[in-house]
Amino acid sequence: MGKMKNFFSDVIHEMKVVTWPTKKEMSKHIPTVFSVVAFFAVFFFAVDYVLTTLLDLLI
């Protein structure tokens, strides 16, 4: 029980130490994050489609 209490007190301490981004920083990085997520979504969709098509041709 002591380890769990120590863990949560350490978590609370670390959350107070974190430097959170400002609203301006967040709005600056949101388009980049969405672009990267969209790119990888399309990429993995394309890879899945190609592999599925190739496997269907083999079977």
PDB file of N, CA and C in Angstrom:
ATOM      1  N   MET A   1       0.825  -1.191   0.000  1.00  0.00           N
ATOM      2  CA  MET A   1       0.000   0.000   0.000  1.00  0.00           C
ATOM      3  C   MET A   1       0.866   1.251   0.000  1.00  0.00           C
ATOM      4  N   GLY A   2       2.017   1.186   0.673  1.00  0.00           N
ATOM      5  CA  GLY A   2       2.904   2.334   0.745  1.00  0.00           C
ATOM      6  C   GLY A   2       3.499   2.687  -0.603  1.00  0.00           C
ATOM      7  N   LYS A   3       3.788   1.645  -1.408  1.00  0.00           N
ATOM      8  CA  LYS A   3       4.352   1.890  -2.741  1.00  0.00           C
ATOM      9  C   LYS A   3       3.343   2.595  -3.638  1.00  0.00           C
ATOM     10  N   MET A   4       2.065   2.211  -3.528  1.00  0.00           N
ATOM     11  CA  MET A   4       1.035   2.825  -4.351  1.00  0.00           C
ATOM     12  C   MET A   4       0.858   4.297  -3.974  1.00  0.00           C
ATOM     13  N   LYS A   5       0.854   4.582  -2.677  1.00  0.00           N
ATOM     14  CA  LYS A   5       0.713   5.970  -2.217  1.00  0.00           C
ATOM     15  C   LYS A   5       1.910   6.788  -2.693  1.00  0.00           C
ATOM     16  N   ASN A   6       3.110   6.212  -2.598  1.00  0.00           N
ATOM     17  CA  ASN A   6       4.316   6.891  -3.053  1.00  0.00           C
ATOM     18  C   ASN A   6       4.243   7.157  -4.557  1.00  0.00           C
ATOM     19  N   PHE A   7       3.752   6.177  -5.319  1.00  0.00           N
ATOM     20  CA  PHE A   7       3.625   6.334  -6.757  1.00  0.00           C
ATOM     21  C   PHE A   7       2.723   7.509  -7.100  1.00  0.00           C
ATOM     22  N   PHE A   8       1.540   7.564  -6.473  1.00  0.00           N
ATOM     23  CA  PHE A   8       0.599   8.632  -6.792  1.00  0.00           C
ATOM     24  C   PHE A   8       1.095   9.995  -6.327  1.00  0.00           C
ATOM     25  N   SER A   9       1.787  10.048  -5.224  1.00  0.00           N
ATOM     26  CA  SER A   9       2.341  11.334  -4.806  1.00  0.00           C
ATOM     27  C   SER A   9       3.442  11.784  -5.765  1.00  0.00           C
ATOM     28  N   ASP A  10       4.217  10.836  -6.300  1.00  0.00           N
ATOM     29  CA  ASP A  10       5.229  11.171  -7.304  1.00  0.00           C
ATOM     30  C   ASP A  10       4.571  11.658  -8.597  1.00  0.00           C
ATOM     31  N   VAL A  11       3.461  11.030  -8.967  1.00  0.00           N
ATOM     32  CA  VAL A  11       2.744  11.455 -10.175  1.00  0.00           C
ATOM     33  C   VAL A  11       2.232  12.883 -10.006  1.00  0.00           C
ATOM     34  N   ILE A  12       1.646  13.172  -8.878  1.00  0.00           N
ATOM     35  CA  ILE A  12       1.133  14.517  -8.612  1.00  0.00           C
ATOM     36  C   ILE A  12       2.270  15.531  -8.652  1.00  0.00           C
ATOM     37  N   HIS A  13       3.397  15.184  -8.054  1.00  0.00           N
ATOM     38  CA  HIS A  13       4.564  16.085  -8.070  1.00  0.00           C
ATOM     39  C   HIS A  13       5.026  16.344  -9.504  1.00  0.00           C
ATOM     40  N   GLU A  14       5.141  15.285 -10.303  1.00  0.00           N
ATOM     41  CA  GLU A  14       5.610  15.443 -11.687  1.00  0.00           C
ATOM     42  C   GLU A  14       4.634  16.269 -12.519  1.00  0.00           C
ATOM     43  N   MET A  15       3.328  16.097 -12.284  1.00  0.00           N
ATOM     44  CA  MET A  15       2.340  16.874 -13.036  1.00  0.00           C
ATOM     45  C   MET A  15       2.443  18.364 -12.713  1.00  0.00           C
ATOM     46  N   LYS A  16       2.890  18.699 -11.505  1.00  0.00           N
ATOM     47  CA  LYS A  16       3.082  20.108 -11.141  1.00  0.00           C
ATOM     48  C   LYS A  16       4.352  20.676 -11.774  1.00  0.00           C
ATOM     49  N   VAL A  17       5.325  19.820 -12.065  1.00  0.00           N
ATOM     50  CA  VAL A  17       6.606  20.252 -12.624  1.00  0.00           C
ATOM     51  C   VAL A  17       6.524  20.431 -14.141  1.00  0.00           C
ATOM     52  N   VAL A  18       5.580  19.750 -14.786  1.00  0.00           N
ATOM     53  CA  VAL A  18       5.461  19.781 -16.243  1.00  0.00           C
ATOM     54  C   VAL A  18       5.200  21.208 -16.716  1.00  0.00           C
ATOM     55  N   THR A  19       5.872  21.590 -17.794  1.00  0.00           N
ATOM     56  CA  THR A  19       5.615  22.880 -18.433  1.00  0.00           C
ATOM     57  C   THR A  19       4.586  22.642 -19.532  1.00  0.00           C
ATOM     58  N   TRP A  20       3.367  23.049 -19.282  1.00  0.00           N
ATOM     59  CA  TRP A  20       2.295  22.820 -20.234  1.00  0.00           C
ATOM     60  C   TRP A  20       2.349  23.873 -21.336  1.00  0.00           C
ATOM     61  N   PRO A  21       1.992  23.496 -22.569  1.00  0.00           N
ATOM     62  CA  PRO A  21       2.026  24.471 -23.668  1.00  0.00           C
ATOM     63  C   PRO A  21       0.939  25.531 -23.501  1.00  0.00           C
ATOM     64  N   THR A  22       1.247  26.713 -24.019  1.00  0.00           N
ATOM     65  CA  THR A  22       0.258  27.793 -23.978  1.00  0.00           C
ATOM     66  C   THR A  22      -0.770  27.583 -25.077  1.00  0.00           C
ATOM     67  N   LYS A  23      -1.830  28.369 -25.027  1.00  0.00           N
ATOM     68  CA  LYS A  23      -2.871  28.264 -26.047  1.00  0.00           C
ATOM     69  C   LYS A  23      -2.301  28.604 -27.428  1.00  0.00           C
ATOM     70  N   LYS A  24      -1.402  29.568 -27.483  1.00  0.00           N
ATOM     71  CA  LYS A  24      -0.778  29.971 -28.746  1.00  0.00           C
ATOM     72  C   LYS A  24       0.077  28.832 -29.310  1.00  0.00           C
ATOM     73  N   GLU A  25       0.844  28.169 -28.439  1.00  0.00           N
ATOM     74  CA  GLU A  25       1.678  27.047 -28.872  1.00  0.00           C
ATOM     75  C   GLU A  25       0.807  25.891 -29.365  1.00  0.00           C
ATOM     76  N   MET A  26      -0.276  25.635 -28.665  1.00  0.00           N
ATOM     77  CA  MET A  26      -1.174  24.548 -29.061  1.00  0.00           C
ATOM     78  C   MET A  26      -1.778  24.817 -30.431  1.00  0.00           C
ATOM     79  N   SER A  27      -2.262  26.046 -30.641  1.00  0.00           N
ATOM     80  CA  SER A  27      -2.886  26.358 -31.926  1.00  0.00           C
ATOM     81  C   SER A  27      -1.863  26.342 -33.050  1.00  0.00           C
ATOM     82  N   LYS A  28      -0.597  26.576 -32.736  1.00  0.00           N
ATOM     83  CA  LYS A  28       0.458  26.524 -33.748  1.00  0.00           C
ATOM     84  C   LYS A  28       0.736  25.084 -34.185  1.00  0.00           C
ATOM     85  N   HIS A  29       0.644  24.128 -33.265  1.00  0.00           N
ATOM     86  CA  HIS A  29       1.025  22.748 -33.551  1.00  0.00           C
ATOM     87  C   HIS A  29      -0.141  21.855 -33.985  1.00  0.00           C
ATOM     88  N   ILE A  30      -1.372  22.290 -33.786  1.00  0.00           N
ATOM     89  CA  ILE A  30      -2.524  21.456 -34.134  1.00  0.00           C
ATOM     90  C   ILE A  30      -2.557  21.085 -35.619  1.00  0.00           C
ATOM     91  N   PRO A  31      -2.332  22.021 -36.551  1.00  0.00           N
ATOM     92  CA  PRO A  31      -2.348  21.611 -37.970  1.00  0.00           C
ATOM     93  C   PRO A  31      -1.282  20.561 -38.300  1.00  0.00           C
ATOM     94  N   THR A  32      -0.125  20.668 -37.688  1.00  0.00           N
ATOM     95  CA  THR A  32       0.935  19.687 -37.930  1.00  0.00           C
ATOM     96  C   THR A  32       0.504  18.317 -37.430  1.00  0.00           C
ATOM     97  N   VAL A  33      -0.055  18.261 -36.250  1.00  0.00           N
ATOM     98  CA  VAL A  33      -0.496  16.982 -35.675  1.00  0.00           C
ATOM     99  C   VAL A  33      -1.586  16.359 -36.550  1.00  0.00           C
ATOM    100  N   PHE A  34      -2.569  17.151 -36.948  1.00  0.00           N
ATOM    101  CA  PHE A  34      -3.635  16.620 -37.796  1.00  0.00           C
ATOM    102  C   PHE A  34      -3.099  16.160 -39.147  1.00  0.00           C
ATOM    103  N   SER A  35      -2.147  16.892 -39.706  1.00  0.00           N
ATOM    104  CA  SER A  35      -1.567  16.501 -40.997  1.00  0.00           C
ATOM    105  C   SER A  35      -0.835  15.172 -40.891  1.00  0.00           C
ATOM    106  N   VAL A  36      -0.057  14.999 -39.833  1.00  0.00           N
ATOM    107  CA  VAL A  36       0.683  13.748 -39.648  1.00  0.00           C
ATOM    108  C   VAL A  36      -0.277  12.586 -39.429  1.00  0.00           C
ATOM    109  N   VAL A  37      -1.301  12.792 -38.630  1.00  0.00           N
ATOM    110  CA  VAL A  37      -2.287  11.736 -38.383  1.00  0.00           C
ATOM    111  C   VAL A  37      -3.017  11.378 -39.676  1.00  0.00           C
ATOM    112  N   ALA A  38      -3.405  12.382 -40.446  1.00  0.00           N
ATOM    113  CA  ALA A  38      -4.094  12.115 -41.715  1.00  0.00           C
ATOM    114  C   ALA A  38      -3.178  11.380 -42.686  1.00  0.00           C
ATOM    115  N   PHE A  39      -1.919  11.785 -42.757  1.00  0.00           N
ATOM    116  CA  PHE A  39      -0.970  11.127 -43.650  1.00  0.00           C
ATOM    117  C   PHE A  39      -0.848   9.648 -43.305  1.00  0.00           C
ATOM    118  N   PHE A  40      -0.639   9.343 -42.021  1.00  0.00           N
ATOM    119  CA  PHE A  40      -0.465   7.951 -41.635  1.00  0.00           C
ATOM    120  C   PHE A  40      -1.758   7.156 -41.783  1.00  0.00           C
ATOM    121  N   ALA A  41      -2.910   7.780 -41.596  1.00  0.00           N
ATOM    122  CA  ALA A  41      -4.177   7.080 -41.810  1.00  0.00           C
ATOM    123  C   ALA A  41      -4.308   6.675 -43.281  1.00  0.00           C
ATOM    124  N   VAL A  42      -4.001   7.599 -44.187  1.00  0.00           N
ATOM    125  CA  VAL A  42      -4.072   7.288 -45.617  1.00  0.00           C
ATOM    126  C   VAL A  42      -3.014   6.256 -45.984  1.00  0.00           C
ATOM    127  N   PHE A  43      -1.823   6.403 -45.436  1.00  0.00           N
ATOM    128  CA  PHE A  43      -0.731   5.470 -45.724  1.00  0.00           C
ATOM    129  C   PHE A  43      -1.104   4.041 -45.317  1.00  0.00           C
ATOM    130  N   PHE A  44      -1.574   3.871 -44.081  1.00  0.00           N
ATOM    131  CA  PHE A  44      -1.919   2.528 -43.620  1.00  0.00           C
ATOM    132  C   PHE A  44      -3.149   1.977 -44.332  1.00  0.00           C
ATOM    133  N   PHE A  45      -4.083   2.849 -44.721  1.00  0.00           N
ATOM    134  CA  PHE A  45      -5.210   2.395 -45.521  1.00  0.00           C
ATOM    135  C   PHE A  45      -4.713   1.858 -46.863  1.00  0.00           C
ATOM    136  N   ALA A  46      -3.800   2.583 -47.495  1.00  0.00           N
ATOM    137  CA  ALA A  46      -3.265   2.153 -48.795  1.00  0.00           C
ATOM    138  C   ALA A  46      -2.497   0.835 -48.666  1.00  0.00           C
ATOM    139  N   VAL A  47      -1.668   0.714 -47.639  1.00  0.00           N
ATOM    140  CA  VAL A  47      -0.916  -0.528 -47.433  1.00  0.00           C
ATOM    141  C   VAL A  47      -1.875  -1.686 -47.186  1.00  0.00           C
ATOM    142  N   ASP A  48      -2.885  -1.480 -46.378  1.00  0.00           N
ATOM    143  CA  ASP A  48      -3.867  -2.520 -46.101  1.00  0.00           C
ATOM    144  C   ASP A  48      -4.603  -2.916 -47.373  1.00  0.00           C
ATOM    145  N   TYR A  49      -4.988  -1.935 -48.154  1.00  0.00           N
ATOM    146  CA  TYR A  49      -5.708  -2.217 -49.406  1.00  0.00           C
ATOM    147  C   TYR A  49      -4.843  -3.016 -50.377  1.00  0.00           C
ATOM    148  N   VAL A  50      -3.593  -2.613 -50.540  1.00  0.00           N
ATOM    149  CA  VAL A  50      -2.690  -3.313 -51.454  1.00  0.00           C
ATOM    150  C   VAL A  50      -2.442  -4.740 -50.983  1.00  0.00           C
ATOM    151  N   LEU A  51      -2.161  -4.909 -49.701  1.00  0.00           N
ATOM    152  CA  LEU A  51      -1.901  -6.261 -49.190  1.00  0.00           C
ATOM    153  C   LEU A  51      -3.138  -7.151 -49.285  1.00  0.00           C
ATOM    154  N   THR A  52      -4.297  -6.596 -49.009  1.00  0.00           N
ATOM    155  CA  THR A  52      -5.537  -7.364 -49.116  1.00  0.00           C
ATOM    156  C   THR A  52      -5.784  -7.778 -50.563  1.00  0.00           C
ATOM    157  N   THR A  53      -5.559  -6.870 -51.489  1.00  0.00           N
ATOM    158  CA  THR A  53      -5.745  -7.181 -52.904  1.00  0.00           C
ATOM    159  C   THR A  53      -4.770  -8.257 -53.360  1.00  0.00           C
ATOM    160  N   LEU A  54      -3.520  -8.143 -52.951  1.00  0.00           N
ATOM    161  CA  LEU A  54      -2.526  -9.151 -53.325  1.00  0.00           C
ATOM    162  C   LEU A  54      -2.865 -10.522 -52.749  1.00  0.00           C
ATOM    163  N   LEU A  55      -3.302 -10.557 -51.511  1.00  0.00           N
ATOM    164  CA  LEU A  55      -3.676 -11.832 -50.899  1.00  0.00           C
ATOM    165  C   LEU A  55      -4.902 -12.436 -51.567  1.00  0.00           C
ATOM    166  N   ASP A  56      -5.857 -11.587 -51.970  1.00  0.00           N
ATOM    167  CA  ASP A  56      -7.037 -12.097 -52.675  1.00  0.00           C
ATOM    168  C   ASP A  56      -6.654 -12.700 -54.018  1.00  0.00           C
ATOM    169  N   LEU A  57      -5.653 -12.134 -54.669  1.00  0.00           N
ATOM    170  CA  LEU A  57      -5.204 -12.679 -55.949  1.00  0.00           C
ATOM    171  C   LEU A  57      -4.504 -14.024 -55.758  1.00  0.00           C
ATOM    172  N   LEU A  58      -3.817 -14.192 -54.653  1.00  0.00           N
ATOM    173  CA  LEU A  58      -3.104 -15.436 -54.394  1.00  0.00           C
ATOM    174  C   LEU A  58      -4.028 -16.568 -53.965  1.00  0.00           C
ATOM    175  N   ILE A  59      -5.094 -16.230 -53.295  1.00  0.00           N
ATOM    176  CA  ILE A  59      -5.983 -17.265 -52.735  1.00  0.00           C
ATOM    177  C   ILE A  59      -7.056 -17.649 -53.711  1.00  0.00           C
TER     178      ILE A  59
END
